[in-house]
C-alpha atoms as a PDB file:
ATOM      1  CA  MET A   1     -23.730 -27.526 -57.412  1.00  0.00           C
ATOM      2  CA  ARG A   2     -22.733 -27.932 -61.078  1.00  0.00           C
ATOM      3  CA  PRO A   3     -19.970 -25.743 -62.549  1.00  0.00           C
ATOM      4  CA  GLN A   4     -21.191 -23.134 -64.998  1.00  0.00           C
ATOM      5  CA  PRO A   5     -20.472 -24.103 -68.608  1.00  0.00           C
ATOM      6  CA  ASP A   6     -18.423 -20.965 -69.211  1.00  0.00           C
ATOM      7  CA  SER A   7     -16.313 -21.221 -66.057  1.00  0.00           C
ATOM      8  CA  THR A   8     -14.310 -24.409 -66.715  1.00  0.00           C
ATOM      9  CA  LEU A   9     -13.262 -26.498 -69.650  1.00  0.00           C
ATOM     10  CA  THR A  10     -11.911 -30.011 -69.824  1.00  0.00           C
ATOM     11  CA  HIS A  11      -8.734 -30.385 -71.870  1.00  0.00           C
ATOM     12  CA  GLY A  12      -7.032 -33.566 -72.943  1.00  0.00           C
ATOM     13  CA  ALA A  13      -6.458 -35.973 -70.071  1.00  0.00           C
ATOM     14  CA  GLY A  14      -9.009 -34.404 -67.725  1.00  0.00           C
ATOM     15  CA  THR A  15      -7.082 -31.239 -66.851  1.00  0.00           C
ATOM     16  CA  ARG A  16      -9.215 -28.188 -66.232  1.00  0.00           C
ATOM     17  CA  ARG A  17      -8.514 -24.628 -67.315  1.00  0.00           C
ATOM     18  CA  HIS A  18     -10.495 -21.833 -65.746  1.00  0.00           C
ATOM     19  CA  GLY A  19     -11.938 -19.199 -68.005  1.00  0.00           C
ATOM     20  CA  GLY A  20     -14.741 -16.706 -67.980  1.00  0.00           C
ATOM     21  CA  TRP A  21     -15.521 -13.245 -69.191  1.00  0.00           C
ATOM     22  CA  GLY A  22     -11.957 -12.040 -68.615  1.00  0.00           C
ATOM     23  CA  HIS A  23     -10.664 -14.545 -71.138  1.00  0.00           C
ATOM     24  CA  PHE A  24     -13.546 -13.678 -73.443  1.00  0.00           C
ATOM     25  CA  ALA A  25     -12.535 -10.003 -73.346  1.00  0.00           C
ATOM     26  CA  GLN A  26      -8.885 -10.970 -73.840  1.00  0.00           C
ATOM     27  CA  HIS A  27      -9.803 -12.952 -76.960  1.00  0.00           C
ATOM     28  CA  TYR A  28     -11.782 -10.000 -78.323  1.00  0.00           C
ATOM     29  CA  VAL A  29      -8.804  -7.685 -77.852  1.00  0.00           C
ATOM     30  CA  GLU A  30      -6.507 -10.291 -79.408  1.00  0.00           C
ATOM     31  CA  MET A  31      -8.799 -10.428 -82.440  1.00  0.00           C
ATOM     32  CA  LEU A  32      -8.670  -6.624 -82.770  1.00  0.00           C
ATOM     33  CA  LEU A  33      -4.864  -6.666 -82.577  1.00  0.00           C
ATOM     34  CA  ALA A  34      -4.654  -9.514 -85.103  1.00  0.00           C
ATOM     35  CA  MET A  35      -6.940  -7.569 -87.448  1.00  0.00           C
ATOM     36  CA  ALA A  36      -4.766  -4.468 -87.128  1.00  0.00           C
ATOM     37  CA  ALA A  37      -1.627  -6.539 -87.773  1.00  0.00           C
ATOM     38  CA  GLY A  38      -3.307  -8.079 -90.815  1.00  0.00           C
ATOM     39  CA  MET A  39      -4.184  -4.642 -92.177  1.00  0.00           C
ATOM     40  CA  LEU A  40      -0.608  -3.468 -91.696  1.00  0.00           C
ATOM     41  CA  VAL A  41       1.197  -6.542 -93.023  1.00  0.00           C
ATOM     42  CA  PHE A  42      -1.116  -7.737 -95.791  1.00  0.00           C
ATOM     43  CA  GLY A  43      -2.174  -4.199 -96.724  1.00  0.00           C
ATOM     44  CA  ALA A  44       1.472  -3.219 -97.160  1.00  0.00           C
ATOM     45  CA  ALA A  45       2.069  -6.320 -99.267  1.00  0.00           C
ATOM     46  CA  VAL A  46      -0.900  -5.556-101.536  1.00  0.00           C
ATOM     47  CA  ARG A  47       0.142  -1.908-101.909  1.00  0.00           C
ATOM     48  CA  GLY A  48       3.715  -3.008-102.630  1.00  0.00           C
ATOM     49  CA  VAL A  49       2.680  -5.463-105.335  1.00  0.00           C
ATOM     50  CA  LEU A  50       0.344  -2.905-106.870  1.00  0.00           C
ATOM     51  CA  ALA A  51       3.100  -0.263-106.820  1.00  0.00           C
ATOM     52  CA  LEU A  52       5.486  -2.653-108.585  1.00  0.00           C
ATOM     53  CA  THR A  53       2.901  -3.287-111.290  1.00  0.00           C
ATOM     54  CA  GLY A  54       1.937   0.357-111.646  1.00  0.00           C
ATOM     55  CA  GLY A  55      -1.474  -0.180-110.104  1.00  0.00           C
ATOM     56  CA  GLU A  56      -3.247   1.485-107.256  1.00  0.00           C
ATOM     57  CA  LEU A  57      -6.202   0.699-105.038  1.00  0.00           C
ATOM     58  CA  SER A  58      -7.874   3.819-103.692  1.00  0.00           C
ATOM     59  CA  MET A  59     -11.135   4.217-101.831  1.00  0.00           C
ATOM     60  CA  GLY A  60     -12.064   7.148-104.031  1.00  0.00           C
ATOM     61  CA  ARG A  61     -11.678   5.303-107.346  1.00  0.00           C
ATOM     62  CA  HIS A  62     -12.311   1.682-106.309  1.00  0.00           C
ATOM     63  CA  PRO A  63     -14.337   1.678-103.078  1.00  0.00           C
ATOM     64  CA  GLU A  64     -15.614  -1.885-103.544  1.00  0.00           C
ATOM     65  CA  LEU A  65     -12.156  -3.348-104.117  1.00  0.00           C
ATOM     66  CA  ALA A  66     -10.566  -1.258-101.367  1.00  0.00           C
ATOM     67  CA  SER A  67     -13.224  -2.383 -98.880  1.00  0.00           C
ATOM     68  CA  LEU A  68     -12.914  -6.037 -99.881  1.00  0.00           C
ATOM     69  CA  GLU A  69      -9.121  -5.848 -99.657  1.00  0.00           C
ATOM     70  CA  MET A  70      -9.308  -4.348 -96.177  1.00  0.00           C
ATOM     71  CA  ALA A  71     -11.752  -7.059 -95.027  1.00  0.00           C
ATOM     72  CA  PHE A  72      -9.433  -9.698 -96.481  1.00  0.00           C
ATOM     73  CA  ASP A  73      -6.354  -8.231 -94.783  1.00  0.00           C
ATOM     74  CA  MET A  74      -8.086  -8.143 -91.396  1.00  0.00           C
ATOM     75  CA  SER A  75      -9.545 -11.621 -91.874  1.00  0.00           C
ATOM     76  CA  ALA A  76      -6.179 -13.096 -92.819  1.00  0.00           C
ATOM     77  CA  GLY A  77      -4.503 -11.697 -89.713  1.00  0.00           C
ATOM     78  CA  MET A  78      -7.339 -12.867 -87.499  1.00  0.00           C
ATOM     79  CA  LEU A  79      -7.540 -16.316 -89.096  1.00  0.00           C
ATOM     80  CA  ILE A  80      -3.822 -16.902 -88.656  1.00  0.00           C
ATOM     81  CA  TRP A  81      -3.965 -15.863 -85.001  1.00  0.00           C
ATOM     82  CA  MET A  82      -7.057 -17.947 -84.276  1.00  0.00           C
ATOM     83  CA  ARG A  83      -5.447 -21.034 -85.793  1.00  0.00           C
ATOM     84  CA  VAL A  84      -2.235 -20.397 -83.814  1.00  0.00           C
ATOM     85  CA  ARG A  85      -4.417 -20.219 -80.689  1.00  0.00           C
ATOM     86  CA  GLY A  86      -5.952 -23.586 -81.582  1.00  0.00           C
ATOM     87  CA  HIS A  87      -9.441 -22.491 -82.613  1.00  0.00           C
ATOM     88  CA  ALA A  88     -11.398 -24.783 -84.922  1.00  0.00           C
ATOM     89  CA  TRP A  89     -11.952 -23.919 -88.561  1.00  0.00           C
ATOM     90  CA  ALA A  90     -15.701 -23.388 -88.125  1.00  0.00           C
ATOM     91  CA  GLY A  91     -15.385 -20.612 -85.543  1.00  0.00           C
ATOM     92  CA  SER A  92     -12.407 -19.098 -87.333  1.00  0.00           C
ATOM     93  CA  LEU A  93     -14.259 -18.904 -90.633  1.00  0.00           C
ATOM     94  CA  GLU A  94     -17.353 -17.461 -88.921  1.00  0.00           C
ATOM     95  CA  MET A  95     -15.171 -14.680 -87.542  1.00  0.00           C
ATOM     96  CA  CYS A  96     -13.833 -14.032 -91.052  1.00  0.00           C
ATOM     97  CA  ALA A  97     -17.385 -13.951 -92.418  1.00  0.00           C
ATOM     98  CA  ALA A  98     -18.153 -11.220 -89.869  1.00  0.00           C
ATOM     99  CA  MET A  99     -15.496  -9.102 -91.618  1.00  0.00           C
ATOM    100  CA  PHE A 100     -17.175  -9.414 -95.015  1.00  0.00           C
ATOM    101  CA  ALA A 101     -20.862  -9.452 -94.016  1.00  0.00           C
ATOM    102  CA  PRO A 102     -21.217  -5.664 -93.652  1.00  0.00           C
ATOM    103  CA  LEU A 103     -20.294  -5.233 -97.295  1.00  0.00           C
ATOM    104  CA  ALA A 104     -23.342  -7.247 -98.381  1.00  0.00           C
ATOM    105  CA  VAL A 105     -25.445  -4.385 -96.996  1.00  0.00           C
ATOM    106  CA  LEU A 106     -23.119  -1.425 -97.464  1.00  0.00           C
ATOM    107  CA  LEU A 107     -22.077  -1.864-101.095  1.00  0.00           C
ATOM    108  CA  PRO A 108     -25.646  -1.805-102.464  1.00  0.00           C
ATOM    109  CA  LEU A 109     -26.255   1.302-100.329  1.00  0.00           C
ATOM    110  CA  LEU A 110     -23.152   2.851-101.870  1.00  0.00           C
ATOM    111  CA  TRP A 111     -24.331   1.998-105.393  1.00  0.00           C
ATOM    112  CA  VAL A 112     -27.677   3.739-104.895  1.00  0.00           C
ATOM    113  CA  ASP A 113     -26.017   6.769-103.238  1.00  0.00           C
ATOM    114  CA  VAL A 114     -27.501   6.224 -99.767  1.00  0.00           C
ATOM    115  CA  ILE A 115     -23.972   6.282 -98.302  1.00  0.00           C
ATOM    116  CA  THR A 116     -20.793   7.904 -99.601  1.00  0.00           C
ATOM    117  CA  THR A 117     -17.374   6.430-100.205  1.00  0.00           C
ATOM    118  CA  ASP A 118     -16.171   8.585 -97.299  1.00  0.00           C
ATOM    119  CA  SER A 119     -18.579   6.865 -94.898  1.00  0.00           C
ATOM    120  CA  LEU A 120     -18.184   3.336 -96.310  1.00  0.00           C
ATOM    121  CA  MET A 121     -15.015   2.432 -94.418  1.00  0.00           C
ATOM    122  CA  MET A 122     -16.254   3.879 -91.127  1.00  0.00           C
ATOM    123  CA  LEU A 123     -19.576   2.044 -91.408  1.00  0.00           C
ATOM    124  CA  GLU A 124     -17.810  -1.168 -92.391  1.00  0.00           C
ATOM    125  CA  HIS A 125     -15.718  -1.066 -89.225  1.00  0.00           C
ATOM    126  CA  ALA A 126     -18.670   0.000 -87.092  1.00  0.00           C
ATOM    127  CA  LEU A 127     -20.598  -3.090 -88.221  1.00  0.00           C
ATOM    128  CA  MET A 128     -17.680  -5.549 -88.129  1.00  0.00           C
ATOM    129  CA  LEU A 129     -16.952  -5.138 -84.453  1.00  0.00           C
ATOM    130  CA  PRO A 130     -20.420  -5.990 -83.111  1.00  0.00           C
ATOM    131  CA  LEU A 131     -20.711  -8.839 -85.639  1.00  0.00           C
ATOM    132  CA  MET A 132     -17.455 -10.278 -84.311  1.00  0.00           C
ATOM    133  CA  LEU A 133     -18.834  -9.971 -80.811  1.00  0.00           C
ATOM    134  CA  LEU A 134     -21.990 -11.836 -81.870  1.00  0.00           C
ATOM    135  CA  VAL A 135     -19.908 -14.682 -83.316  1.00  0.00           C
ATOM    136  CA  MET A 136     -17.919 -14.819 -80.101  1.00  0.00           C
ATOM    137  CA  LEU A 137     -21.068 -14.832 -77.975  1.00  0.00           C
ATOM    138  CA  ARG A 138     -22.488 -17.615 -80.141  1.00  0.00           C
ATOM    139  CA  ARG A 139     -19.342 -19.634 -79.376  1.00  0.00           C
ATOM    140  CA  ARG A 140     -18.746 -18.219 -75.898  1.00  0.00           C
ATOM    141  CA  ASP A 141     -17.625 -21.565 -74.451  1.00  0.00           C
ATOM    142  CA  GLU A 142     -14.776 -21.571 -76.945  1.00  0.00           C
ATOM    143  CA  PHE A 143     -13.847 -17.921 -76.448  1.00  0.00           C
ATOM    144  CA  ALA A 144     -14.264 -17.702 -72.670  1.00  0.00           C
ATOM    145  CA  HIS A 145     -11.344 -20.064 -72.032  1.00  0.00           C
ATOM    146  CA  ARG A 146      -7.649 -20.064 -72.439  1.00  0.00           C
ATOM    147  CA  SER A 147      -6.324 -21.229 -75.751  1.00  0.00           C
ATOM    148  CA  PRO A 148      -7.909 -24.523 -76.774  1.00  0.00           C
ATOM    149  CA  LYS A 149      -4.353 -25.780 -77.393  1.00  0.00           C
ATOM    150  CA  GLY A 150      -3.475 -25.469 -73.721  1.00  0.00           C
ATOM    151  CA  SER A 151      -1.953 -22.920 -71.411  1.00  0.00           C
ATOM    152  CA  ARG A 152      -1.085 -20.177 -73.885  1.00  0.00           C
END
């Protein structure tokens, strides 16, 4: 009987690391935590720089910029964590694209008054999370295993 492709992975000199859906779920949670950390750290940095320059970025006055900044902050945190965990650039950048993709649909809807600025952020998050999951499912062999770097 052959091993299932998502149950083992060969690393380096033939060592095997067991994975599966538990590791997949762990990676998803790690991505959510990295996104939250990115929003806190990078968001605070952006707000600090803007405060020093007398600027402000509010959802009410600049919904497009505020939404893009939030997607960037979350992407930066996630990208850093994925690279620390040893993920390749391709998968890492696909995960970042999942943060920005909802805006390609939502911003035009905002401009023609189909959605409001109040609902923009909620809808953006509601679409990001399943898009992330789709990227992870597309690359499930990568995400269903321990860190590609080794035993982290």
